[in-house]
PDB file of N, CA and C in Angstrom:
ATOM      1  N   UNK A   1     177.120  71.542 -14.966  1.00  0.00           N
ATOM      2  CA  UNK A   1     178.088  71.221 -13.702  1.00  0.00           C
ATOM      3  C   UNK A   1     178.895  72.451 -13.059  1.00  0.00           C
ATOM      4  N   UNK A   2     179.131  73.397 -14.596  1.00  0.00           N
ATOM      5  CA  UNK A   2     179.427  74.730 -13.301  1.00  0.00           C
ATOM      6  C   UNK A   2     178.357  75.015 -12.910  1.00  0.00           C
ATOM      7  N   UNK A   3     177.406  75.569 -13.182  1.00  0.00           N
ATOM      8  CA  UNK A   3     176.625  75.837 -12.193  1.00  0.00           C
ATOM      9  C   UNK A   3     176.108  75.217 -11.049  1.00  0.00           C
ATOM     10  N   UNK A   4     176.494  74.318 -10.882  1.00  0.00           N
ATOM     11  CA  UNK A   4     176.717  73.221  -9.976  1.00  0.00           C
ATOM     12  C   UNK A   4     177.488  73.141  -9.138  1.00  0.00           C
ATOM     13  N   UNK A   5     178.459  73.453  -9.648  1.00  0.00           N
ATOM     14  CA  UNK A   5     179.813  73.660  -8.876  1.00  0.00           C
ATOM     15  C   UNK A   5     179.545  75.600  -8.392  1.00  0.00           C
ATOM     16  N   UNK A   6     179.123  76.491  -9.127  1.00  0.00           N
ATOM     17  CA  UNK A   6     179.163  77.884  -8.682  1.00  0.00           C
ATOM     18  C   UNK A   6     178.478  77.705  -7.294  1.00  0.00           C
ATOM     19  N   UNK A   7     177.640  76.967  -7.395  1.00  0.00           N
ATOM     20  CA  UNK A   7     176.117  77.125  -6.472  1.00  0.00           C
ATOM     21  C   UNK A   7     176.612  76.820  -5.208  1.00  0.00           C
ATOM     22  N   UNK A   8     178.009  76.117  -4.866  1.00  0.00           N
ATOM     23  CA  UNK A   8     178.822  75.595  -4.270  1.00  0.00           C
ATOM     24  C   UNK A   8     177.939  73.763  -3.527  1.00  0.00           C
ATOM     25  N   UNK A   9     177.371  73.239  -4.538  1.00  0.00           N
ATOM     26  CA  UNK A   9     176.536  71.872  -4.518  1.00  0.00           C
ATOM     27  C   UNK A   9     177.250  70.713  -4.503  1.00  0.00           C
ATOM     28  N   UNK A  10     177.380  69.855  -3.688  1.00  0.00           N
ATOM     29  CA  UNK A  10     178.487  68.703  -3.253  1.00  0.00           C
ATOM     30  C   UNK A  10     177.194  67.531  -4.120  1.00  0.00           C
ATOM     31  N   UNK A  11     178.086  66.945  -4.826  1.00  0.00           N
ATOM     32  CA  UNK A  11     179.383  66.579  -4.898  1.00  0.00           C
ATOM     33  C   UNK A  11     180.509  67.309  -5.692  1.00  0.00           C
ATOM     34  N   UNK A  12     179.598  68.185  -6.671  1.00  0.00           N
ATOM     35  CA  UNK A  12     180.485  69.138  -7.766  1.00  0.00           C
ATOM     36  C   UNK A  12     181.526  70.106  -7.580  1.00  0.00           C
ATOM     37  N   UNK A  13     181.271  70.218  -5.956  1.00  0.00           N
ATOM     38  CA  UNK A  13     181.729  71.767  -5.594  1.00  0.00           C
ATOM     39  C   UNK A  13     183.308  71.148  -5.099  1.00  0.00           C
ATOM     40  N   UNK A  14     184.399  71.566  -5.539  1.00  0.00           N
ATOM     41  CA  UNK A  14     185.601  71.495  -4.962  1.00  0.00           C
ATOM     42  C   UNK A  14     186.372  72.153  -3.781  1.00  0.00           C
ATOM     43  N   UNK A  15     185.913  71.115  -3.128  1.00  0.00           N
ATOM     44  CA  UNK A  15     186.680  71.685  -1.111  1.00  0.00           C
ATOM     45  C   UNK A  15     187.490  70.750  -1.046  1.00  0.00           C
ATOM     46  N   UNK A  16     187.606  70.777   0.337  1.00  0.00           N
ATOM     47  CA  UNK A  16     188.621  69.966   1.321  1.00  0.00           C
ATOM     48  C   UNK A  16     187.697  68.824   1.524  1.00  0.00           C
ATOM     49  N   UNK A  17     186.538  68.746   1.841  1.00  0.00           N
ATOM     50  CA  UNK A  17     185.963  67.936   1.888  1.00  0.00           C
ATOM     51  C   UNK A  17     185.567  66.769   0.299  1.00  0.00           C
ATOM     52  N   UNK A  18     185.654  67.664  -0.517  1.00  0.00           N
ATOM     53  CA  UNK A  18     185.808  66.720  -1.673  1.00  0.00           C
ATOM     54  C   UNK A  18     187.102  65.911  -1.866  1.00  0.00           C
ATOM     55  N   UNK A  19     188.042  66.235  -1.771  1.00  0.00           N
ATOM     56  CA  UNK A  19     189.408  66.113  -1.991  1.00  0.00           C
ATOM     57  C   UNK A  19     189.432  65.168  -0.930  1.00  0.00           C
ATOM     58  N   UNK A  20     188.960  65.054   0.621  1.00  0.00           N
ATOM     59  CA  UNK A  20     188.968  63.828   1.471  1.00  0.00           C
ATOM     60  C   UNK A  20     188.155  62.840   1.295  1.00  0.00           C
ATOM     61  N   UNK A  21     187.055  63.288   0.405  1.00  0.00           N
ATOM     62  CA  UNK A  21     186.397  62.491   0.171  1.00  0.00           C
ATOM     63  C   UNK A  21     186.214  61.588  -1.634  1.00  0.00           C
ATOM     64  N   UNK A  22     187.197  61.602  -1.705  1.00  0.00           N
ATOM     65  CA  UNK A  22     187.671  60.667  -2.881  1.00  0.00           C
ATOM     66  C   UNK A  22     187.552  61.916  -4.521  1.00  0.00           C
ATOM     67  N   UNK A  23     187.543  62.904  -4.281  1.00  0.00           N
ATOM     68  CA  UNK A  23     187.935  63.812  -5.493  1.00  0.00           C
ATOM     69  C   UNK A  23     187.311  63.261  -7.025  1.00  0.00           C
ATOM     70  N   UNK A  24     186.384  62.987  -6.921  1.00  0.00           N
ATOM     71  CA  UNK A  24     185.463  62.953  -7.708  1.00  0.00           C
ATOM     72  C   UNK A  24     185.076  63.827  -9.042  1.00  0.00           C
ATOM     73  N   UNK A  25     185.477  63.606 -10.112  1.00  0.00           N
ATOM     74  CA  UNK A  25     185.723  64.677 -11.248  1.00  0.00           C
ATOM     75  C   UNK A  25     184.365  64.212 -11.888  1.00  0.00           C
ATOM     76  N   UNK A  26     183.457  65.051 -12.785  1.00  0.00           N
ATOM     77  CA  UNK A  26     182.614  65.129 -13.327  1.00  0.00           C
ATOM     78  C   UNK A  26     182.148  65.325 -14.404  1.00  0.00           C
ATOM     79  N   UNK A  27     181.861  64.981 -15.308  1.00  0.00           N
ATOM     80  CA  UNK A  27     181.294  65.333 -17.094  1.00  0.00           C
ATOM     81  C   UNK A  27     180.286  64.890 -17.759  1.00  0.00           C
ATOM     82  N   UNK A  28     179.730  65.397 -18.768  1.00  0.00           N
ATOM     83  CA  UNK A  28     178.482  65.075 -19.135  1.00  0.00           C
ATOM     84  C   UNK A  28     178.585  64.144 -20.807  1.00  0.00           C
ATOM     85  N   UNK A  29     177.571  63.224 -21.087  1.00  0.00           N
ATOM     86  CA  UNK A  29     178.024  63.073 -22.580  1.00  0.00           C
ATOM     87  C   UNK A  29     176.149  62.241 -22.835  1.00  0.00           C
ATOM     88  N   UNK A  30     176.323  62.839 -23.810  1.00  0.00           N
ATOM     89  CA  UNK A  30     175.033  61.643 -24.243  1.00  0.00           C
ATOM     90  C   UNK A  30     174.945  60.123 -25.128  1.00  0.00           C
ATOM     91  N   UNK A  31     174.458  59.500 -24.812  1.00  0.00           N
ATOM     92  CA  UNK A  31     174.229  57.969 -25.665  1.00  0.00           C
ATOM     93  C   UNK A  31     173.196  57.298 -25.687  1.00  0.00           C
ATOM     94  N   UNK A  32     172.711  57.180 -26.708  1.00  0.00           N
ATOM     95  CA  UNK A  32     171.812  56.857 -27.591  1.00  0.00           C
ATOM     96  C   UNK A  32     170.693  57.576 -27.349  1.00  0.00           C
ATOM     97  N   UNK A  33     170.750  59.111 -27.565  1.00  0.00           N
ATOM     98  CA  UNK A  33     169.776  60.000 -27.661  1.00  0.00           C
ATOM     99  C   UNK A  33     169.729  60.279 -25.656  1.00  0.00           C
ATOM    100  N   UNK A  34     170.749  60.045 -25.008  1.00  0.00           N
ATOM    101  CA  UNK A  34     170.276  60.178 -23.535  1.00  0.00           C
ATOM    102  C   UNK A  34     171.249  61.281 -22.962  1.00  0.00           C
ATOM    103  N   UNK A  35     170.705  61.505 -21.858  1.00  0.00           N
ATOM    104  CA  UNK A  35     171.876  62.646 -21.381  1.00  0.00           C
ATOM    105  C   UNK A  35     172.524  61.808 -19.637  1.00  0.00           C
ATOM    106  N   UNK A  36     173.971  62.083 -19.546  1.00  0.00           N
ATOM    107  CA  UNK A  36     174.113  61.011 -18.900  1.00  0.00           C
ATOM    108  C   UNK A  36     175.479  62.158 -17.830  1.00  0.00           C
ATOM    109  N   UNK A  37     175.896  62.038 -16.567  1.00  0.00           N
ATOM    110  CA  UNK A  37     176.730  62.837 -16.038  1.00  0.00           C
ATOM    111  C   UNK A  37     177.748  61.853 -15.587  1.00  0.00           C
ATOM    112  N   UNK A  38     178.888  61.510 -16.012  1.00  0.00           N
ATOM    113  CA  UNK A  38     179.672  60.540 -14.976  1.00  0.00           C
ATOM    114  C   UNK A  38     180.847  61.206 -13.931  1.00  0.00           C
ATOM    115  N   UNK A  39     180.740  60.756 -12.953  1.00  0.00           N
ATOM    116  CA  UNK A  39     181.905  60.732 -11.848  1.00  0.00           C
ATOM    117  C   UNK A  39     182.569  60.247 -11.510  1.00  0.00           C
ATOM    118  N   UNK A  40     184.212  60.308 -11.546  1.00  0.00           N
ATOM    119  CA  UNK A  40     185.067  59.621 -11.512  1.00  0.00           C
ATOM    120  C   UNK A  40     186.139  60.110 -10.414  1.00  0.00           C
ATOM    121  N   UNK A  41     186.264  58.957  -9.622  1.00  0.00           N
ATOM    122  CA  UNK A  41     186.681  59.054  -8.605  1.00  0.00           C
ATOM    123  C   UNK A  41     188.524  59.175  -8.610  1.00  0.00           C
ATOM    124  N   UNK A  42     189.549  59.278  -8.062  1.00  0.00           N
ATOM    125  CA  UNK A  42     190.939  59.768  -7.966  1.00  0.00           C
ATOM    126  C   UNK A  42     191.436  57.891  -7.079  1.00  0.00           C
ATOM    127  N   UNK A  43     190.898  57.322  -7.159  1.00  0.00           N
ATOM    128  CA  UNK A  43     191.128  55.681  -6.209  1.00  0.00           C
ATOM    129  C   UNK A  43     190.749  55.417  -4.869  1.00  0.00           C
ATOM    130  N   UNK A  44     189.956  56.430  -4.333  1.00  0.00           N
ATOM    131  CA  UNK A  44     189.360  56.647  -3.203  1.00  0.00           C
ATOM    132  C   UNK A  44     188.197  56.255  -3.181  1.00  0.00           C
ATOM    133  N   UNK A  45     187.246  56.089  -4.333  1.00  0.00           N
ATOM    134  CA  UNK A  45     186.125  55.560  -4.473  1.00  0.00           C
ATOM    135  C   UNK A  45     185.922  55.338  -6.143  1.00  0.00           C
ATOM    136  N   UNK A  46     184.655  54.784  -6.365  1.00  0.00           N
ATOM    137  CA  UNK A  46     184.868  53.978  -8.171  1.00  0.00           C
ATOM    138  C   UNK A  46     184.389  54.913  -8.373  1.00  0.00           C
ATOM    139  N   UNK A  47     183.283  54.888 -10.038  1.00  0.00           N
ATOM    140  CA  UNK A  47     182.903  55.986 -10.937  1.00  0.00           C
ATOM    141  C   UNK A  47     181.225  55.266 -10.952  1.00  0.00           C
ATOM    142  N   UNK A  48     180.736  57.027 -10.245  1.00  0.00           N
ATOM    143  CA  UNK A  48     179.323  56.981 -10.144  1.00  0.00           C
ATOM    144  C   UNK A  48     178.773  57.181 -12.177  1.00  0.00           C
ATOM    145  N   UNK A  49     177.358  57.145 -12.418  1.00  0.00           N
ATOM    146  CA  UNK A  49     177.195  57.672 -13.387  1.00  0.00           C
ATOM    147  C   UNK A  49     175.095  58.040 -13.407  1.00  0.00           C
ATOM    148  N   UNK A  50     175.415  58.782 -13.787  1.00  0.00           N
ATOM    149  CA  UNK A  50     174.173  59.732 -13.755  1.00  0.00           C
ATOM    150  C   UNK A  50     172.557  59.549 -14.658  1.00  0.00           C
ATOM    151  N   UNK A  51     171.972  59.058 -15.004  1.00  0.00           N
ATOM    152  CA  UNK A  51     171.379  59.150 -16.287  1.00  0.00           C
ATOM    153  C   UNK A  51     170.026  59.805 -15.687  1.00  0.00           C
ATOM    154  N   UNK A  52     170.373  60.585 -16.692  1.00  0.00           N
ATOM    155  CA  UNK A  52     169.017  61.971 -16.949  1.00  0.00           C
ATOM    156  C   UNK A  52     167.634  61.507 -17.077  1.00  0.00           C
ATOM    157  N   UNK A  53     166.495  61.622 -16.749  1.00  0.00           N
ATOM    158  CA  UNK A  53     165.039  61.567 -16.934  1.00  0.00           C
ATOM    159  C   UNK A  53     164.869  63.136 -17.031  1.00  0.00           C
ATOM    160  N   UNK A  54     165.092  63.320 -18.490  1.00  0.00           N
ATOM    161  CA  UNK A  54     164.827  65.118 -18.554  1.00  0.00           C
ATOM    162  C   UNK A  54     163.466  65.678 -18.216  1.00  0.00           C
ATOM    163  N   UNK A  55     162.480  64.726 -18.633  1.00  0.00           N
ATOM    164  CA  UNK A  55     161.209  65.092 -18.009  1.00  0.00           C
ATOM    165  C   UNK A  55     160.742  64.953 -16.477  1.00  0.00           C
ATOM    166  N   UNK A  56     161.426  63.965 -15.804  1.00  0.00           N
ATOM    167  CA  UNK A  56     161.108  64.187 -14.434  1.00  0.00           C
ATOM    168  C   UNK A  56     162.290  63.437 -13.536  1.00  0.00           C
ATOM    169  N   UNK A  57     163.109  64.612 -13.594  1.00  0.00           N
ATOM    170  CA  UNK A  57     164.531  64.373 -12.409  1.00  0.00           C
ATOM    171  C   UNK A  57     164.389  63.834 -11.220  1.00  0.00           C
ATOM    172  N   UNK A  58     163.472  63.564 -10.656  1.00  0.00           N
ATOM    173  CA  UNK A  58     163.284  62.833  -9.523  1.00  0.00           C
ATOM    174  C   UNK A  58     163.733  61.433 -10.159  1.00  0.00           C
ATOM    175  N   UNK A  59     163.088  61.144 -10.920  1.00  0.00           N
ATOM    176  CA  UNK A  59     163.225  59.644 -11.549  1.00  0.00           C
ATOM    177  C   UNK A  59     164.541  59.353 -12.098  1.00  0.00           C
ATOM    178  N   UNK A  60     165.263  60.324 -12.517  1.00  0.00           N
ATOM    179  CA  UNK A  60     166.937  59.920 -13.407  1.00  0.00           C
ATOM    180  C   UNK A  60     167.273  58.345 -11.943  1.00  0.00           C
ATOM    181  N   UNK A  61     168.200  58.227 -12.767  1.00  0.00           N
ATOM    182  CA  UNK A  61     169.098  56.568 -12.198  1.00  0.00           C
ATOM    183  C   UNK A  61     170.357  56.982 -11.986  1.00  0.00           C
ATOM    184  N   UNK A  62     170.735  56.552 -10.808  1.00  0.00           N
ATOM    185  CA  UNK A  62     172.185  56.838 -10.419  1.00  0.00           C
ATOM    186  C   UNK A  62     172.634  55.168 -10.379  1.00  0.00           C
ATOM    187  N   UNK A  63     174.103  54.687 -10.987  1.00  0.00           N
ATOM    188  CA  UNK A  63     174.913  53.867 -10.744  1.00  0.00           C
ATOM    189  C   UNK A  63     176.605  54.120 -10.617  1.00  0.00           C
ATOM    190  N   UNK A  64     177.186  52.758 -10.073  1.00  0.00           N
ATOM    191  CA  UNK A  64     178.030  52.883  -9.621  1.00  0.00           C
ATOM    192  C   UNK A  64     178.802  51.174  -9.815  1.00  0.00           C
ATOM    193  N   UNK A  65     180.438  51.565 -10.228  1.00  0.00           N
ATOM    194  CA  UNK A  65     181.066  50.688  -9.988  1.00  0.00           C
ATOM    195  C   UNK A  65     182.236  50.982  -9.774  1.00  0.00           C
ATOM    196  N   UNK A  66     183.054  49.944  -9.002  1.00  0.00           N
ATOM    197  CA  UNK A  66     183.966  50.161  -8.165  1.00  0.00           C
ATOM    198  C   UNK A  66     185.237  50.453  -9.366  1.00  0.00           C
ATOM    199  N   UNK A  67     185.134  49.825 -10.522  1.00  0.00           N
ATOM    200  CA  UNK A  67     186.501  50.290 -11.475  1.00  0.00           C
ATOM    201  C   UNK A  67     186.673  51.780 -11.730  1.00  0.00           C
ATOM    202  N   UNK A  68     187.436  52.315 -12.156  1.00  0.00           N
ATOM    203  CA  UNK A  68     187.905  54.001 -12.754  1.00  0.00           C
ATOM    204  C   UNK A  68     188.087  53.954 -14.059  1.00  0.00           C
ATOM    205  N   UNK A  69     187.524  53.666 -15.110  1.00  0.00           N
ATOM    206  CA  UNK A  69     187.786  53.759 -16.181  1.00  0.00           C
ATOM    207  C   UNK A  69     187.655  55.302 -16.736  1.00  0.00           C
ATOM    208  N   UNK A  70     188.844  55.645 -17.476  1.00  0.00           N
ATOM    209  CA  UNK A  70     188.900  57.077 -18.101  1.00  0.00           C
ATOM    210  C   UNK A  70     187.372  57.247 -18.862  1.00  0.00           C
ATOM    211  N   UNK A  71     187.258  58.766 -18.668  1.00  0.00           N
ATOM    212  CA  UNK A  71     186.002  59.288 -19.196  1.00  0.00           C
ATOM    213  C   UNK A  71     185.703  58.701 -20.605  1.00  0.00           C
ATOM    214  N   UNK A  72     186.933  58.697 -21.389  1.00  0.00           N
ATOM    215  CA  UNK A  72     186.459  58.156 -22.905  1.00  0.00           C
ATOM    216  C   UNK A  72     186.759  57.108 -22.968  1.00  0.00           C
ATOM    217  N   UNK A  73     187.017  56.421 -21.907  1.00  0.00           N
ATOM    218  CA  UNK A  73     187.087  54.470 -22.146  1.00  0.00           C
ATOM    219  C   UNK A  73     185.352  54.191 -21.859  1.00  0.00           C
ATOM    220  N   UNK A  74     184.702  55.057 -20.691  1.00  0.00           N
ATOM    221  CA  UNK A  74     183.205  55.174 -20.533  1.00  0.00           C
ATOM    222  C   UNK A  74     182.445  55.356 -21.852  1.00  0.00           C
ATOM    223  N   UNK A  75     182.876  56.586 -22.535  1.00  0.00           N
ATOM    224  CA  UNK A  75     181.935  56.536 -23.493  1.00  0.00           C
ATOM    225  C   UNK A  75     182.319  55.898 -24.690  1.00  0.00           C
ATOM    226  N   UNK A  76     183.373  55.857 -24.897  1.00  0.00           N
ATOM    227  CA  UNK A  76     183.919  54.871 -26.447  1.00  0.00           C
ATOM    228  C   UNK A  76     183.060  53.172 -25.823  1.00  0.00           C
ATOM    229  N   UNK A  77     183.385  52.652 -24.586  1.00  0.00           N
ATOM    230  CA  UNK A  77     182.940  51.707 -24.517  1.00  0.00           C
ATOM    231  C   UNK A  77     181.444  51.338 -23.383  1.00  0.00           C
ATOM    232  N   UNK A  78     180.837  52.450 -23.621  1.00  0.00           N
ATOM    233  CA  UNK A  78     179.437  52.305 -22.449  1.00  0.00           C
ATOM    234  C   UNK A  78     178.649  51.177 -22.792  1.00  0.00           C
ATOM    235  N   UNK A  79     178.307  50.433 -23.643  1.00  0.00           N
ATOM    236  CA  UNK A  79     177.336  48.961 -23.613  1.00  0.00           C
ATOM    237  C   UNK A  79     178.332  48.008 -22.299  1.00  0.00           C
ATOM    238  N   UNK A  80     179.821  47.898 -22.697  1.00  0.00           N
ATOM    239  CA  UNK A  80     180.149  46.999 -21.406  1.00  0.00           C
ATOM    240  C   UNK A  80     180.384  47.541 -20.187  1.00  0.00           C
ATOM    241  N   UNK A  81     180.394  48.850 -20.116  1.00  0.00           N
ATOM    242  CA  UNK A  81     180.074  49.200 -18.557  1.00  0.00           C
ATOM    243  C   UNK A  81     178.801  49.217 -18.070  1.00  0.00           C
ATOM    244  N   UNK A  82     178.168  48.962 -18.786  1.00  0.00           N
ATOM    245  CA  UNK A  82     175.949  48.979 -18.470  1.00  0.00           C
ATOM    246  C   UNK A  82     176.410  47.904 -17.926  1.00  0.00           C
ATOM    247  N   UNK A  83     176.710  46.853 -18.235  1.00  0.00           N
ATOM    248  CA  UNK A  83     176.271  45.385 -17.576  1.00  0.00           C
ATOM    249  C   UNK A  83     177.456  45.382 -16.021  1.00  0.00           C
ATOM    250  N   UNK A  84     178.189  46.064 -16.079  1.00  0.00           N
ATOM    251  CA  UNK A  84     178.876  46.484 -14.879  1.00  0.00           C
ATOM    252  C   UNK A  84     178.160  47.349 -13.704  1.00  0.00           C
ATOM    253  N   UNK A  85     177.957  47.941 -14.246  1.00  0.00           N
ATOM    254  CA  UNK A  85     177.450  49.463 -13.284  1.00  0.00           C
ATOM    255  C   UNK A  85     176.018  48.847 -12.344  1.00  0.00           C
ATOM    256  N   UNK A  86     176.003  48.824 -11.530  1.00  0.00           N
ATOM    257  CA  UNK A  86     175.094  48.670 -10.102  1.00  0.00           C
ATOM    258  C   UNK A  86     173.845  49.736 -10.059  1.00  0.00           C
ATOM    259  N   UNK A  87     172.870  49.842 -10.280  1.00  0.00           N
ATOM    260  CA  UNK A  87     171.939  50.837  -9.801  1.00  0.00           C
ATOM    261  C   UNK A  87     171.979  50.699  -8.290  1.00  0.00           C
ATOM    262  N   UNK A  88     172.004  51.994  -8.071  1.00  0.00           N
ATOM    263  CA  UNK A  88     171.921  52.709  -6.597  1.00  0.00           C
ATOM    264  C   UNK A  88     170.317  53.247  -6.349  1.00  0.00           C
ATOM    265  N   UNK A  89     169.981  52.196  -5.338  1.00  0.00           N
ATOM    266  CA  UNK A  89     169.120  52.290  -5.007  1.00  0.00           C
ATOM    267  C   UNK A  89     168.099  53.144  -3.152  1.00  0.00           C
ATOM    268  N   UNK A  90     167.841  54.147  -3.395  1.00  0.00           N
ATOM    269  CA  UNK A  90     167.728  55.343  -2.547  1.00  0.00           C
ATOM    270  C   UNK A  90     166.911  54.695  -1.647  1.00  0.00           C
ATOM    271  N   UNK A  91     167.197  54.874  -0.178  1.00  0.00           N
ATOM    272  CA  UNK A  91     166.466  54.116   1.057  1.00  0.00           C
ATOM    273  C   UNK A  91     166.227  55.352   2.109  1.00  0.00           C
ATOM    274  N   UNK A  92     164.817  55.458   2.275  1.00  0.00           N
ATOM    275  CA  UNK A  92     164.744  56.226   2.760  1.00  0.00           C
ATOM    276  C   UNK A  92     164.085  56.230   4.633  1.00  0.00           C
ATOM    277  N   UNK A  93     164.181  56.861   5.674  1.00  0.00           N
ATOM    278  CA  UNK A  93     163.667  56.609   6.926  1.00  0.00           C
ATOM    279  C   UNK A  93     162.250  56.168   6.592  1.00  0.00           C
ATOM    280  N   UNK A  94     161.863  56.799   5.840  1.00  0.00           N
ATOM    281  CA  UNK A  94     160.395  56.529   5.927  1.00  0.00           C
ATOM    282  C   UNK A  94     160.122  54.994   5.421  1.00  0.00           C
ATOM    283  N   UNK A  95     161.217  54.302   4.575  1.00  0.00           N
ATOM    284  CA  UNK A  95     161.477  52.908   4.098  1.00  0.00           C
ATOM    285  C   UNK A  95     161.413  52.347   5.637  1.00  0.00           C
ATOM    286  N   UNK A  96     162.493  52.974   6.351  1.00  0.00           N
ATOM    287  CA  UNK A  96     162.466  52.207   7.599  1.00  0.00           C
ATOM    288  C   UNK A  96     161.400  51.475   7.994  1.00  0.00           C
ATOM    289  N   UNK A  97     160.743  52.834   8.733  1.00  0.00           N
ATOM    290  CA  UNK A  97     159.577  53.194   9.742  1.00  0.00           C
ATOM    291  C   UNK A  97     158.297  51.853   8.960  1.00  0.00           C
ATOM    292  N   UNK A  98     158.165  51.807   7.522  1.00  0.00           N
ATOM    293  CA  UNK A  98     157.664  50.636   7.345  1.00  0.00           C
ATOM    294  C   UNK A  98     157.922  49.194   7.605  1.00  0.00           C
ATOM    295  N   UNK A  99     159.046  48.800   7.592  1.00  0.00           N
ATOM    296  CA  UNK A  99     159.800  47.997   7.663  1.00  0.00           C
ATOM    297  C   UNK A  99     158.432  47.489   9.069  1.00  0.00           C
ATOM    298  N   UNK A 100     158.967  48.236  10.456  1.00  0.00           N
ATOM    299  CA  UNK A 100     158.855  48.414  11.328  1.00  0.00           C
ATOM    300  C   UNK A 100     157.074  47.925  12.039  1.00  0.00           C
ATOM    301  N   UNK A 101     156.294  48.881  10.910  1.00  0.00           N
ATOM    302  CA  UNK A 101     154.967  48.942  11.062  1.00  0.00           C
ATOM    303  C   UNK A 101     154.044  48.257  10.276  1.00  0.00           C
ATOM    304  N   UNK A 102     155.185  47.634   9.513  1.00  0.00           N
ATOM    305  CA  UNK A 102     154.281  46.594   7.953  1.00  0.00           C
ATOM    306  C   UNK A 102     153.278  47.156   7.157  1.00  0.00           C
ATOM    307  N   UNK A 103     153.749  48.301   7.128  1.00  0.00           N
ATOM    308  CA  UNK A 103     152.769  48.920   5.927  1.00  0.00           C
ATOM    309  C   UNK A 103     153.091  47.977   4.519  1.00  0.00           C
TER     310      UNK A 103
END
């Protein structure tokens, strides 16, 4: 996380845009021997959870929930929040093109 912030990579870098868009704070943790990032907003946005696929980072999963429990609560009660989290499915221009061309 420190490297991402130092490299000014959003949403980990804290600038005026970061503040305006919810001031999401990030932390890392392990659950069942898997790596996660948790991004918790200040009330304007909810909570993001990134589950890393360490063998192929492009296949990592991103989840969202409207609630903003503390980092400690998420880590302590992760199974509870796993049922609340909704997977974010990437949508690309290529998806839109396929819709119109019938591919």
